Amino acid sequence: MKYVLMFVETEQYAKELAEMSGDDRQAAYERVSQWFAEHAPKIVHHGHLAPPHTATTMRLSGGDPVITDGPFVEGKEVVSGYAELEVADLDEALAMAKSWPACPVIEIRPLT
């Protein structure tokens, strides 16, 4: 089965990351790289998203589309990246997510 893990940054996590020393921040990035390397056989694709202020949002609600700069919703939690998995079942996806070393929230969805 295919699942997508969406890594969600909170304001608190972003603040803590920004306040880290250069060495601590590098160590945090290395833990993420290690996680991806460890799970590489089951990760079909992954990516890191640009910050929310770079988003363009299109609203389709009849009539002409409305296009605005910025995210659809200003929020305290922001999806910052994703990984598409090929795993046996939800339990395997959950096991992988439990070992994620970075953002404190992970949304897991099956691909249809």
PDB file of N, CA and C in Angstrom:
ATOM      1  N   MET A   1       0.839  -1.181   0.000  1.00  0.00           N
ATOM      2  CA  MET A   1       0.000   0.000   0.000  1.00  0.00           C
ATOM      3  C   MET A   1       0.882   1.241   0.000  1.00  0.00           C
ATOM      4  N   LYS A   2       0.341   2.291  -0.572  1.00  0.00           N
ATOM      5  CA  LYS A   2       1.069   3.550  -0.576  1.00  0.00           C
ATOM      6  C   LYS A   2       0.441   4.512   0.434  1.00  0.00           C
ATOM      7  N   TYR A   3       1.321   5.181   1.174  1.00  0.00           N
ATOM      8  CA  TYR A   3       0.919   6.193   2.145  1.00  0.00           C
ATOM      9  C   TYR A   3       1.794   7.418   1.945  1.00  0.00           C
ATOM     10  N   VAL A   4       1.281   8.552   2.362  1.00  0.00           N
ATOM     11  CA  VAL A   4       2.070   9.776   2.394  1.00  0.00           C
ATOM     12  C   VAL A   4       2.172  10.225   3.842  1.00  0.00           C
ATOM     13  N   LEU A   5       3.394  10.462   4.272  1.00  0.00           N
ATOM     14  CA  LEU A   5       3.625  11.090   5.568  1.00  0.00           C
ATOM     15  C   LEU A   5       3.811  12.572   5.283  1.00  0.00           C
ATOM     16  N   MET A   6       3.012  13.409   5.922  1.00  0.00           N
ATOM     17  CA  MET A   6       3.175  14.854   5.780  1.00  0.00           C
ATOM     18  C   MET A   6       3.747  15.374   7.089  1.00  0.00           C
ATOM     19  N   PHE A   7       4.920  15.961   7.014  1.00  0.00           N
ATOM     20  CA  PHE A   7       5.635  16.443   8.185  1.00  0.00           C
ATOM     21  C   PHE A   7       5.183  17.866   8.477  1.00  0.00           C
ATOM     22  N   VAL A   8       4.684  18.078   9.692  1.00  0.00           N
ATOM     23  CA  VAL A   8       4.066  19.349  10.056  1.00  0.00           C
ATOM     24  C   VAL A   8       4.906  20.053  11.119  1.00  0.00           C
ATOM     25  N   GLU A   9       5.364  21.255  10.782  1.00  0.00           N
ATOM     26  CA  GLU A   9       6.111  22.076  11.733  1.00  0.00           C
ATOM     27  C   GLU A   9       5.135  22.893  12.560  1.00  0.00           C
ATOM     28  N   THR A  10       5.406  22.991  13.836  1.00  0.00           N
ATOM     29  CA  THR A  10       4.659  23.894  14.705  1.00  0.00           C
ATOM     30  C   THR A  10       5.489  25.154  14.903  1.00  0.00           C
ATOM     31  N   GLU A  11       4.846  26.221  15.359  1.00  0.00           N
ATOM     32  CA  GLU A  11       5.584  27.452  15.641  1.00  0.00           C
ATOM     33  C   GLU A  11       6.684  27.186  16.668  1.00  0.00           C
ATOM     34  N   GLN A  12       6.368  26.390  17.688  1.00  0.00           N
ATOM     35  CA  GLN A  12       7.340  26.100  18.736  1.00  0.00           C
ATOM     36  C   GLN A  12       8.546  25.351  18.183  1.00  0.00           C
ATOM     37  N   TYR A  13       8.304  24.352  17.332  1.00  0.00           N
ATOM     38  CA  TYR A  13       9.404  23.601  16.740  1.00  0.00           C
ATOM     39  C   TYR A  13      10.278  24.520  15.885  1.00  0.00           C
ATOM     40  N   ALA A  14       9.656  25.362  15.057  1.00  0.00           N
ATOM     41  CA  ALA A  14      10.417  26.282  14.207  1.00  0.00           C
ATOM     42  C   ALA A  14      11.257  27.236  15.058  1.00  0.00           C
ATOM     43  N   LYS A  15      10.687  27.686  16.167  1.00  0.00           N
ATOM     44  CA  LYS A  15      11.418  28.587  17.068  1.00  0.00           C
ATOM     45  C   LYS A  15      12.620  27.870  17.681  1.00  0.00           C
ATOM     46  N   GLU A  16      12.393  26.639  18.155  1.00  0.00           N
ATOM     47  CA  GLU A  16      13.488  25.869  18.755  1.00  0.00           C
ATOM     48  C   GLU A  16      14.600  25.608  17.739  1.00  0.00           C
ATOM     49  N   LEU A  17      14.229  25.282  16.514  1.00  0.00           N
ATOM     50  CA  LEU A  17      15.221  25.030  15.471  1.00  0.00           C
ATOM     51  C   LEU A  17      16.018  26.301  15.180  1.00  0.00           C
ATOM     52  N   ALA A  18      15.336  27.435  15.103  1.00  0.00           N
ATOM     53  CA  ALA A  18      16.008  28.701  14.825  1.00  0.00           C
ATOM     54  C   ALA A  18      16.958  29.107  15.945  1.00  0.00           C
ATOM     55  N   GLU A  19      16.637  28.724  17.180  1.00  0.00           N
ATOM     56  CA  GLU A  19      17.458  29.103  18.329  1.00  0.00           C
ATOM     57  C   GLU A  19      18.634  28.166  18.574  1.00  0.00           C
ATOM     58  N   MET A  20      18.690  27.053  17.846  1.00  0.00           N
ATOM     59  CA  MET A  20      19.786  26.098  18.024  1.00  0.00           C
ATOM     60  C   MET A  20      21.103  26.704  17.547  1.00  0.00           C
ATOM     61  N   SER A  21      22.185  26.236  18.147  1.00  0.00           N
ATOM     62  CA  SER A  21      23.502  26.612  17.638  1.00  0.00           C
ATOM     63  C   SER A  21      23.673  25.960  16.268  1.00  0.00           C
ATOM     64  N   GLY A  22      24.632  26.434  15.526  1.00  0.00           N
ATOM     65  CA  GLY A  22      24.889  25.863  14.207  1.00  0.00           C
ATOM     66  C   GLY A  22      25.186  24.371  14.264  1.00  0.00           C
ATOM     67  N   ASP A  23      25.960  23.953  15.254  1.00  0.00           N
ATOM     68  CA  ASP A  23      26.296  22.530  15.392  1.00  0.00           C
ATOM     69  C   ASP A  23      25.069  21.697  15.740  1.00  0.00           C
ATOM     70  N   ASP A  24      24.224  22.205  16.647  1.00  0.00           N
ATOM     71  CA  ASP A  24      23.017  21.468  17.030  1.00  0.00           C
ATOM     72  C   ASP A  24      22.040  21.366  15.861  1.00  0.00           C
ATOM     73  N   ARG A  25      21.911  22.453  15.102  1.00  0.00           N
ATOM     74  CA  ARG A  25      21.020  22.440  13.943  1.00  0.00           C
ATOM     75  C   ARG A  25      21.539  21.449  12.905  1.00  0.00           C
ATOM     76  N   GLN A  26      22.849  21.435  12.688  1.00  0.00           N
ATOM     77  CA  GLN A  26      23.433  20.483  11.737  1.00  0.00           C
ATOM     78  C   GLN A  26      23.194  19.047  12.194  1.00  0.00           C
ATOM     79  N   ALA A  27      23.311  18.795  13.488  1.00  0.00           N
ATOM     80  CA  ALA A  27      23.055  17.454  14.022  1.00  0.00           C
ATOM     81  C   ALA A  27      21.590  17.063  13.802  1.00  0.00           C
ATOM     82  N   ALA A  28      20.676  18.017  13.963  1.00  0.00           N
ATOM     83  CA  ALA A  28      19.248  17.741  13.727  1.00  0.00           C
ATOM     84  C   ALA A  28      19.017  17.384  12.259  1.00  0.00           C
ATOM     85  N   TYR A  29      19.641  18.122  11.348  1.00  0.00           N
ATOM     86  CA  TYR A  29      19.509  17.823   9.919  1.00  0.00           C
ATOM     87  C   TYR A  29      20.108  16.453   9.590  1.00  0.00           C
ATOM     88  N   GLU A  30      21.207  16.117  10.240  1.00  0.00           N
ATOM     89  CA  GLU A  30      21.835  14.816  10.001  1.00  0.00           C
ATOM     90  C   GLU A  30      20.938  13.670  10.483  1.00  0.00           C
ATOM     91  N   ARG A  31      20.203  13.880  11.586  1.00  0.00           N
ATOM     92  CA  ARG A  31      19.264  12.845  12.055  1.00  0.00           C
ATOM     93  C   ARG A  31      18.159  12.624  11.023  1.00  0.00           C
ATOM     94  N   VAL A  32      17.697  13.695  10.391  1.00  0.00           N
ATOM     95  CA  VAL A  32      16.681  13.571   9.342  1.00  0.00           C
ATOM     96  C   VAL A  32      17.258  12.815   8.148  1.00  0.00           C
ATOM     97  N   SER A  33      18.469  13.175   7.735  1.00  0.00           N
ATOM     98  CA  SER A  33      19.114  12.468   6.614  1.00  0.00           C
ATOM     99  C   SER A  33      19.290  10.990   6.930  1.00  0.00           C
ATOM    100  N   GLN A  34      19.654  10.696   8.168  1.00  0.00           N
ATOM    101  CA  GLN A  34      19.818   9.305   8.587  1.00  0.00           C
ATOM    102  C   GLN A  34      18.490   8.558   8.525  1.00  0.00           C
ATOM    103  N   TRP A  35      17.400   9.213   8.943  1.00  0.00           N
ATOM    104  CA  TRP A  35      16.067   8.591   8.901  1.00  0.00           C
ATOM    105  C   TRP A  35      15.718   8.234   7.454  1.00  0.00           C
ATOM    106  N   PHE A  36      15.948   9.178   6.533  1.00  0.00           N
ATOM    107  CA  PHE A  36      15.655   8.901   5.125  1.00  0.00           C
ATOM    108  C   PHE A  36      16.529   7.766   4.586  1.00  0.00           C
ATOM    109  N   ALA A  37      17.785   7.731   4.964  1.00  0.00           N
ATOM    110  CA  ALA A  37      18.679   6.664   4.508  1.00  0.00           C
ATOM    111  C   ALA A  37      18.235   5.305   5.060  1.00  0.00           C
ATOM    112  N   GLU A  38      17.866   5.288   6.330  1.00  0.00           N
ATOM    113  CA  GLU A  38      17.435   4.048   6.976  1.00  0.00           C
ATOM    114  C   GLU A  38      16.172   3.474   6.326  1.00  0.00           C
ATOM    115  N   HIS A  39      15.278   4.341   5.885  1.00  0.00           N
ATOM    116  CA  HIS A  39      13.997   3.898   5.327  1.00  0.00           C
ATOM    117  C   HIS A  39      13.945   3.986   3.801  1.00  0.00           C
ATOM    118  N   ALA A  40      15.077   4.245   3.169  1.00  0.00           N
ATOM    119  CA  ALA A  40      15.130   4.448   1.717  1.00  0.00           C
ATOM    120  C   ALA A  40      14.441   3.357   0.896  1.00  0.00           C
ATOM    121  N   PRO A  41      14.553   2.077   1.259  1.00  0.00           N
ATOM    122  CA  PRO A  41      13.908   1.054   0.436  1.00  0.00           C
ATOM    123  C   PRO A  41      12.381   1.179   0.365  1.00  0.00           C
ATOM    124  N   LYS A  42      11.786   1.868   1.329  1.00  0.00           N
ATOM    125  CA  LYS A  42      10.325   1.984   1.362  1.00  0.00           C
ATOM    126  C   LYS A  42       9.834   3.376   0.975  1.00  0.00           C
ATOM    127  N   ILE A  43      10.745   4.301   0.733  1.00  0.00           N
ATOM    128  CA  ILE A  43      10.356   5.658   0.365  1.00  0.00           C
ATOM    129  C   ILE A  43      10.414   5.793  -1.150  1.00  0.00           C
ATOM    130  N   VAL A  44       9.248   6.021  -1.748  1.00  0.00           N
ATOM    131  CA  VAL A  44       9.136   6.143  -3.198  1.00  0.00           C
ATOM    132  C   VAL A  44       9.607   7.522  -3.650  1.00  0.00           C
ATOM    133  N   HIS A  45       9.220   8.534  -2.910  1.00  0.00           N
ATOM    134  CA  HIS A  45       9.564   9.914  -3.254  1.00  0.00           C
ATOM    135  C   HIS A  45       9.432  10.751  -1.993  1.00  0.00           C
ATOM    136  N   HIS A  46      10.188  11.843  -1.913  1.00  0.00           N
ATOM    137  CA  HIS A  46      10.047  12.753  -0.784  1.00  0.00           C
ATOM    138  C   HIS A  46      10.485  14.141  -1.203  1.00  0.00           C
ATOM    139  N   GLY A  47      10.074  15.130  -0.438  1.00  0.00           N
ATOM    140  CA  GLY A  47      10.470  16.489  -0.747  1.00  0.00           C
ATOM    141  C   GLY A  47      10.277  17.405   0.439  1.00  0.00           C
ATOM    142  N   HIS A  48      10.980  18.518   0.385  1.00  0.00           N
ATOM    143  CA  HIS A  48      10.850  19.562   1.394  1.00  0.00           C
ATOM    144  C   HIS A  48      10.173  20.738   0.706  1.00  0.00           C
ATOM    145  N   LEU A  49       9.125  21.255   1.315  1.00  0.00           N
ATOM    146  CA  LEU A  49       8.387  22.356   0.711  1.00  0.00           C
ATOM    147  C   LEU A  49       9.003  23.700   1.080  1.00  0.00           C
ATOM    148  N   ALA A  50       8.912  24.654   0.173  1.00  0.00           N
ATOM    149  CA  ALA A  50       9.349  26.019   0.455  1.00  0.00           C
ATOM    150  C   ALA A  50       8.422  26.603   1.529  1.00  0.00           C
ATOM    151  N   PRO A  51       8.838  27.670   2.206  1.00  0.00           N
ATOM    152  CA  PRO A  51       8.032  28.257   3.278  1.00  0.00           C
ATOM    153  C   PRO A  51       6.645  28.702   2.796  1.00  0.00           C
ATOM    154  N   PRO A  52       5.679  28.762   3.711  1.00  0.00           N
ATOM    155  CA  PRO A  52       4.294  29.107   3.340  1.00  0.00           C
ATOM    156  C   PRO A  52       4.154  30.434   2.592  1.00  0.00           C
ATOM    157  N   HIS A  53       5.010  31.405   2.900  1.00  0.00           N
ATOM    158  CA  HIS A  53       4.860  32.706   2.236  1.00  0.00           C
ATOM    159  C   HIS A  53       5.136  32.620   0.737  1.00  0.00           C
ATOM    160  N   THR A  54       5.715  31.520   0.270  1.00  0.00           N
ATOM    161  CA  THR A  54       5.990  31.358  -1.159  1.00  0.00           C
ATOM    162  C   THR A  54       4.815  30.737  -1.907  1.00  0.00           C
ATOM    163  N   ALA A  55       3.779  30.340  -1.180  1.00  0.00           N
ATOM    164  CA  ALA A  55       2.633  29.653  -1.785  1.00  0.00           C
ATOM    165  C   ALA A  55       1.802  30.596  -2.656  1.00  0.00           C
ATOM    166  N   THR A  56       1.144  30.011  -3.626  1.00  0.00           N
ATOM    167  CA  THR A  56       0.105  30.681  -4.406  1.00  0.00           C
ATOM    168  C   THR A  56      -1.140  29.829  -4.227  1.00  0.00           C
ATOM    169  N   THR A  57      -2.251  30.467  -3.899  1.00  0.00           N
ATOM    170  CA  THR A  57      -3.492  29.742  -3.656  1.00  0.00           C
ATOM    171  C   THR A  57      -4.524  30.117  -4.701  1.00  0.00           C
ATOM    172  N   MET A  58      -5.192  29.103  -5.250  1.00  0.00           N
ATOM    173  CA  MET A  58      -6.275  29.331  -6.201  1.00  0.00           C
ATOM    174  C   MET A  58      -7.569  28.820  -5.582  1.00  0.00           C
ATOM    175  N   ARG A  59      -8.582  29.666  -5.586  1.00  0.00           N
ATOM    176  CA  ARG A  59      -9.892  29.281  -5.061  1.00  0.00           C
ATOM    177  C   ARG A  59     -10.856  29.122  -6.240  1.00  0.00           C
ATOM    178  N   LEU A  60     -11.447  27.941  -6.322  1.00  0.00           N
ATOM    179  CA  LEU A  60     -12.408  27.646  -7.380  1.00  0.00           C
ATOM    180  C   LEU A  60     -13.788  27.531  -6.737  1.00  0.00           C
ATOM    181  N   SER A  61     -14.581  28.556  -6.878  1.00  0.00           N
ATOM    182  CA  SER A  61     -15.911  28.495  -6.268  1.00  0.00           C
ATOM    183  C   SER A  61     -16.934  29.089  -7.226  1.00  0.00           C
ATOM    184  N   GLY A  62     -16.955  28.545  -8.434  1.00  0.00           N
ATOM    185  CA  GLY A  62     -17.845  29.085  -9.448  1.00  0.00           C
ATOM    186  C   GLY A  62     -17.262  30.380  -9.998  1.00  0.00           C
ATOM    187  N   GLY A  63     -17.646  30.743 -11.171  1.00  0.00           N
ATOM    188  CA  GLY A  63     -17.097  31.960 -11.762  1.00  0.00           C
ATOM    189  C   GLY A  63     -15.622  31.811 -12.044  1.00  0.00           C
ATOM    190  N   ASP A  64     -14.925  32.934 -12.052  1.00  0.00           N
ATOM    191  CA  ASP A  64     -13.496  32.936 -12.342  1.00  0.00           C
ATOM    192  C   ASP A  64     -12.693  32.507 -11.123  1.00  0.00           C
ATOM    193  N   PRO A  65     -11.602  31.775 -11.342  1.00  0.00           N
ATOM    194  CA  PRO A  65     -10.732  31.413 -10.225  1.00  0.00           C
ATOM    195  C   PRO A  65     -10.142  32.669  -9.588  1.00  0.00           C
ATOM    196  N   VAL A  66      -9.969  32.625  -8.278  1.00  0.00           N
ATOM    197  CA  VAL A  66      -9.342  33.727  -7.548  1.00  0.00           C
ATOM    198  C   VAL A  66      -7.971  33.243  -7.104  1.00  0.00           C
ATOM    199  N   ILE A  67      -6.934  33.958  -7.529  1.00  0.00           N
ATOM    200  CA  ILE A  67      -5.556  33.570  -7.227  1.00  0.00           C
ATOM    201  C   ILE A  67      -4.959  34.608  -6.290  1.00  0.00           C
ATOM    202  N   THR A  68      -4.395  34.120  -5.182  1.00  0.00           N
ATOM    203  CA  THR A  68      -3.764  35.012  -4.215  1.00  0.00           C
ATOM    204  C   THR A  68      -2.384  34.487  -3.854  1.00  0.00           C
ATOM    205  N   ASP A  69      -1.518  35.403  -3.461  1.00  0.00           N
ATOM    206  CA  ASP A  69      -0.210  35.017  -2.952  1.00  0.00           C
ATOM    207  C   ASP A  69      -0.373  34.551  -1.523  1.00  0.00           C
ATOM    208  N   GLY A  70       0.427  33.577  -1.138  1.00  0.00           N
ATOM    209  CA  GLY A  70       0.412  33.101   0.238  1.00  0.00           C
ATOM    210  C   GLY A  70      -0.422  31.857   0.408  1.00  0.00           C
ATOM    211  N   PRO A  71      -0.370  31.299   1.611  1.00  0.00           N
ATOM    212  CA  PRO A  71      -1.085  30.045   1.893  1.00  0.00           C
ATOM    213  C   PRO A  71      -2.580  30.262   1.970  1.00  0.00           C
ATOM    214  N   PHE A  72      -3.319  29.170   1.840  1.00  0.00           N
ATOM    215  CA  PHE A  72      -4.774  29.205   1.929  1.00  0.00           C
ATOM    216  C   PHE A  72      -5.212  29.659   3.308  1.00  0.00           C
ATOM    217  N   VAL A  73      -4.566  29.157   4.328  1.00  0.00           N
ATOM    218  CA  VAL A  73      -4.919  29.485   5.701  1.00  0.00           C
ATOM    219  C   VAL A  73      -3.639  29.827   6.453  1.00  0.00           C
ATOM    220  N   GLU A  74      -3.665  30.897   7.199  1.00  0.00           N
ATOM    221  CA  GLU A  74      -2.548  31.196   8.086  1.00  0.00           C
ATOM    222  C   GLU A  74      -2.734  30.317   9.309  1.00  0.00           C
ATOM    223  N   GLY A  75      -1.743  29.549   9.654  1.00  0.00           N
ATOM    224  CA  GLY A  75      -1.901  28.651  10.779  1.00  0.00           C
ATOM    225  C   GLY A  75      -0.641  28.544  11.596  1.00  0.00           C
ATOM    226  N   LYS A  76      -0.790  27.937  12.750  1.00  0.00           N
ATOM    227  CA  LYS A  76       0.344  27.734  13.628  1.00  0.00           C
ATOM    228  C   LYS A  76       1.082  26.447  13.294  1.00  0.00           C
ATOM    229  N   GLU A  77       0.481  25.626  12.441  1.00  0.00           N
ATOM    230  CA  GLU A  77       1.115  24.399  11.981  1.00  0.00           C
ATOM    231  C   GLU A  77       1.171  24.440  10.461  1.00  0.00           C
ATOM    232  N   VAL A  78       2.326  24.075   9.905  1.00  0.00           N
ATOM    233  CA  VAL A  78       2.545  24.169   8.468  1.00  0.00           C
ATOM    234  C   VAL A  78       3.181  22.888   7.963  1.00  0.00           C
ATOM    235  N   VAL A  79       2.612  22.304   6.908  1.00  0.00           N
ATOM    236  CA  VAL A  79       3.238  21.143   6.276  1.00  0.00           C
ATOM    237  C   VAL A  79       4.534  21.622   5.631  1.00  0.00           C
ATOM    238  N   SER A  80       5.646  21.019   6.047  1.00  0.00           N
ATOM    239  CA  SER A  80       6.935  21.471   5.545  1.00  0.00           C
ATOM    240  C   SER A  80       7.599  20.462   4.611  1.00  0.00           C
ATOM    241  N   GLY A  81       7.072  19.255   4.566  1.00  0.00           N
ATOM    242  CA  GLY A  81       7.641  18.240   3.695  1.00  0.00           C
ATOM    243  C   GLY A  81       6.783  16.999   3.681  1.00  0.00           C
ATOM    244  N   TYR A  82       7.188  16.044   2.868  1.00  0.00           N
ATOM    245  CA  TYR A  82       6.404  14.820   2.735  1.00  0.00           C
ATOM    246  C   TYR A  82       7.293  13.671   2.295  1.00  0.00           C
ATOM    247  N   ALA A  83       6.800  12.470   2.528  1.00  0.00           N
ATOM    248  CA  ALA A  83       7.445  11.267   2.018  1.00  0.00           C
ATOM    249  C   ALA A  83       6.354  10.313   1.559  1.00  0.00           C
ATOM    250  N   GLU A  84       6.488   9.801   0.349  1.00  0.00           N
ATOM    251  CA  GLU A  84       5.561   8.798  -0.166  1.00  0.00           C
ATOM    252  C   GLU A  84       6.170   7.428   0.097  1.00  0.00           C
ATOM    253  N   LEU A  85       5.405   6.573   0.748  1.00  0.00           N
ATOM    254  CA  LEU A  85       5.898   5.259   1.161  1.00  0.00           C
ATOM    255  C   LEU A  85       5.219   4.140   0.387  1.00  0.00           C
ATOM    256  N   GLU A  86       5.928   3.063   0.204  1.00  0.00           N
ATOM    257  CA  GLU A  86       5.362   1.804  -0.291  1.00  0.00           C
ATOM    258  C   GLU A  86       5.600   0.792   0.816  1.00  0.00           C
ATOM    259  N   VAL A  87       4.538   0.476   1.562  1.00  0.00           N
ATOM    260  CA  VAL A  87       4.643  -0.403   2.728  1.00  0.00           C
ATOM    261  C   VAL A  87       3.514  -1.436   2.704  1.00  0.00           C
ATOM    262  N   ALA A  88       3.608  -2.407   3.586  1.00  0.00           N
ATOM    263  CA  ALA A  88       2.610  -3.474   3.622  1.00  0.00           C
ATOM    264  C   ALA A  88       1.244  -2.987   4.094  1.00  0.00           C
ATOM    265  N   ASP A  89       1.255  -2.095   5.104  1.00  0.00           N
ATOM    266  CA  ASP A  89      -0.019  -1.666   5.683  1.00  0.00           C
ATOM    267  C   ASP A  89       0.187  -0.425   6.552  1.00  0.00           C
ATOM    268  N   LEU A  90      -0.904   0.054   7.143  1.00  0.00           N
ATOM    269  CA  LEU A  90      -0.846   1.243   7.988  1.00  0.00           C
ATOM    270  C   LEU A  90       0.084   1.042   9.176  1.00  0.00           C
ATOM    271  N   ASP A  91       0.100  -0.152   9.738  1.00  0.00           N
ATOM    272  CA  ASP A  91       0.982  -0.410  10.880  1.00  0.00           C
ATOM    273  C   ASP A  91       2.446  -0.154  10.531  1.00  0.00           C
ATOM    274  N   GLU A  92       2.849  -0.545   9.342  1.00  0.00           N
ATOM    275  CA  GLU A  92       4.231  -0.312   8.930  1.00  0.00           C
ATOM    276  C   GLU A  92       4.493   1.181   8.723  1.00  0.00           C
ATOM    277  N   ALA A  93       3.523   1.894   8.156  1.00  0.00           N
ATOM    278  CA  ALA A  93       3.665   3.345   7.989  1.00  0.00           C
ATOM    279  C   ALA A  93       3.756   4.030   9.350  1.00  0.00           C
ATOM    280  N   LEU A  94       2.943   3.583  10.305  1.00  0.00           N
ATOM    281  CA  LEU A  94       2.983   4.155  11.657  1.00  0.00           C
ATOM    282  C   LEU A  94       4.323   3.888  12.336  1.00  0.00           C
ATOM    283  N   ALA A  95       4.855   2.700  12.148  1.00  0.00           N
ATOM    284  CA  ALA A  95       6.162   2.366  12.738  1.00  0.00           C
ATOM    285  C   ALA A  95       7.247   3.286  12.189  1.00  0.00           C
ATOM    286  N   MET A  96       7.205   3.560  10.901  1.00  0.00           N
ATOM    287  CA  MET A  96       8.185   4.468  10.313  1.00  0.00           C
ATOM    288  C   MET A  96       7.998   5.883  10.870  1.00  0.00           C
ATOM    289  N   ALA A  97       6.746   6.321  10.948  1.00  0.00           N
ATOM    290  CA  ALA A  97       6.467   7.679  11.434  1.00  0.00           C
ATOM    291  C   ALA A  97       6.915   7.858  12.881  1.00  0.00           C
ATOM    292  N   LYS A  98       6.789   6.825  13.685  1.00  0.00           N
ATOM    293  CA  LYS A  98       7.173   6.921  15.105  1.00  0.00           C
ATOM    294  C   LYS A  98       8.648   7.228  15.284  1.00  0.00           C
ATOM    295  N   SER A  99       9.459   6.875  14.306  1.00  0.00           N
ATOM    296  CA  SER A  99      10.892   7.113  14.431  1.00  0.00           C
ATOM    297  C   SER A  99      11.340   8.435  13.786  1.00  0.00           C
ATOM    298  N   TRP A 100      10.404   9.234  13.278  1.00  0.00           N
ATOM    299  CA  TRP A 100      10.741  10.506  12.636  1.00  0.00           C
ATOM    300  C   TRP A 100      11.401  11.433  13.658  1.00  0.00           C
ATOM    301  N   PRO A 101      12.592  11.982  13.351  1.00  0.00           N
ATOM    302  CA  PRO A 101      13.357  12.742  14.334  1.00  0.00           C
ATOM    303  C   PRO A 101      13.149  14.257  14.309  1.00  0.00           C
ATOM    304  N   ALA A 102      12.187  14.752  13.559  1.00  0.00           N
ATOM    305  CA  ALA A 102      12.100  16.211  13.410  1.00  0.00           C
ATOM    306  C   ALA A 102      10.726  16.747  13.799  1.00  0.00           C
ATOM    307  N   CYS A 103       9.995  17.317  12.862  1.00  0.00           N
ATOM    308  CA  CYS A 103       8.713  17.973  13.142  1.00  0.00           C
ATOM    309  C   CYS A 103       7.852  17.126  14.081  1.00  0.00           C
ATOM    310  N   PRO A 104       7.161  17.773  15.027  1.00  0.00           N
ATOM    311  CA  PRO A 104       6.432  17.023  16.046  1.00  0.00           C
ATOM    312  C   PRO A 104       5.075  16.475  15.626  1.00  0.00           C
ATOM    313  N   VAL A 105       4.605  16.813  14.424  1.00  0.00           N
ATOM    314  CA  VAL A 105       3.300  16.326  13.963  1.00  0.00           C
ATOM    315  C   VAL A 105       3.484  15.677  12.601  1.00  0.00           C
ATOM    316  N   ILE A 106       2.901  14.496  12.442  1.00  0.00           N
ATOM    317  CA  ILE A 106       2.946  13.806  11.148  1.00  0.00           C
ATOM    318  C   ILE A 106       1.533  13.371  10.789  1.00  0.00           C
ATOM    319  N   GLU A 107       1.064  13.808   9.645  1.00  0.00           N
ATOM    320  CA  GLU A 107      -0.232  13.344   9.146  1.00  0.00           C
ATOM    321  C   GLU A 107       0.054  12.211   8.178  1.00  0.00           C
ATOM    322  N   ILE A 108      -0.675  11.117   8.324  1.00  0.00           N
ATOM    323  CA  ILE A 108      -0.459   9.930   7.490  1.00  0.00           C
ATOM    324  C   ILE A 108      -1.735   9.671   6.709  1.00  0.00           C
ATOM    325  N   ARG A 109      -1.596   9.604   5.392  1.00  0.00           N
ATOM    326  CA  ARG A 109      -2.776   9.348   4.563  1.00  0.00           C
ATOM    327  C   ARG A 109      -2.468   8.296   3.515  1.00  0.00           C
ATOM    328  N   PRO A 110      -3.446   7.409   3.263  1.00  0.00           N
ATOM    329  CA  PRO A 110      -3.250   6.459   2.174  1.00  0.00           C
ATOM    330  C   PRO A 110      -3.416   7.167   0.828  1.00  0.00           C
ATOM    331  N   LEU A 111      -2.683   6.710  -0.179  1.00  0.00           N
ATOM    332  CA  LEU A 111      -2.864   7.188  -1.532  1.00  0.00           C
ATOM    333  C   LEU A 111      -3.901   6.293  -2.208  1.00  0.00           C
ATOM    334  N   THR A 112      -4.775   6.899  -2.941  1.00  0.00           N
ATOM    335  CA  THR A 112      -5.803   6.105  -3.625  1.00  0.00           C
ATOM    336  C   THR A 112      -5.554   6.099  -5.111  1.00  0.00           C
TER     337      THR A 112
END
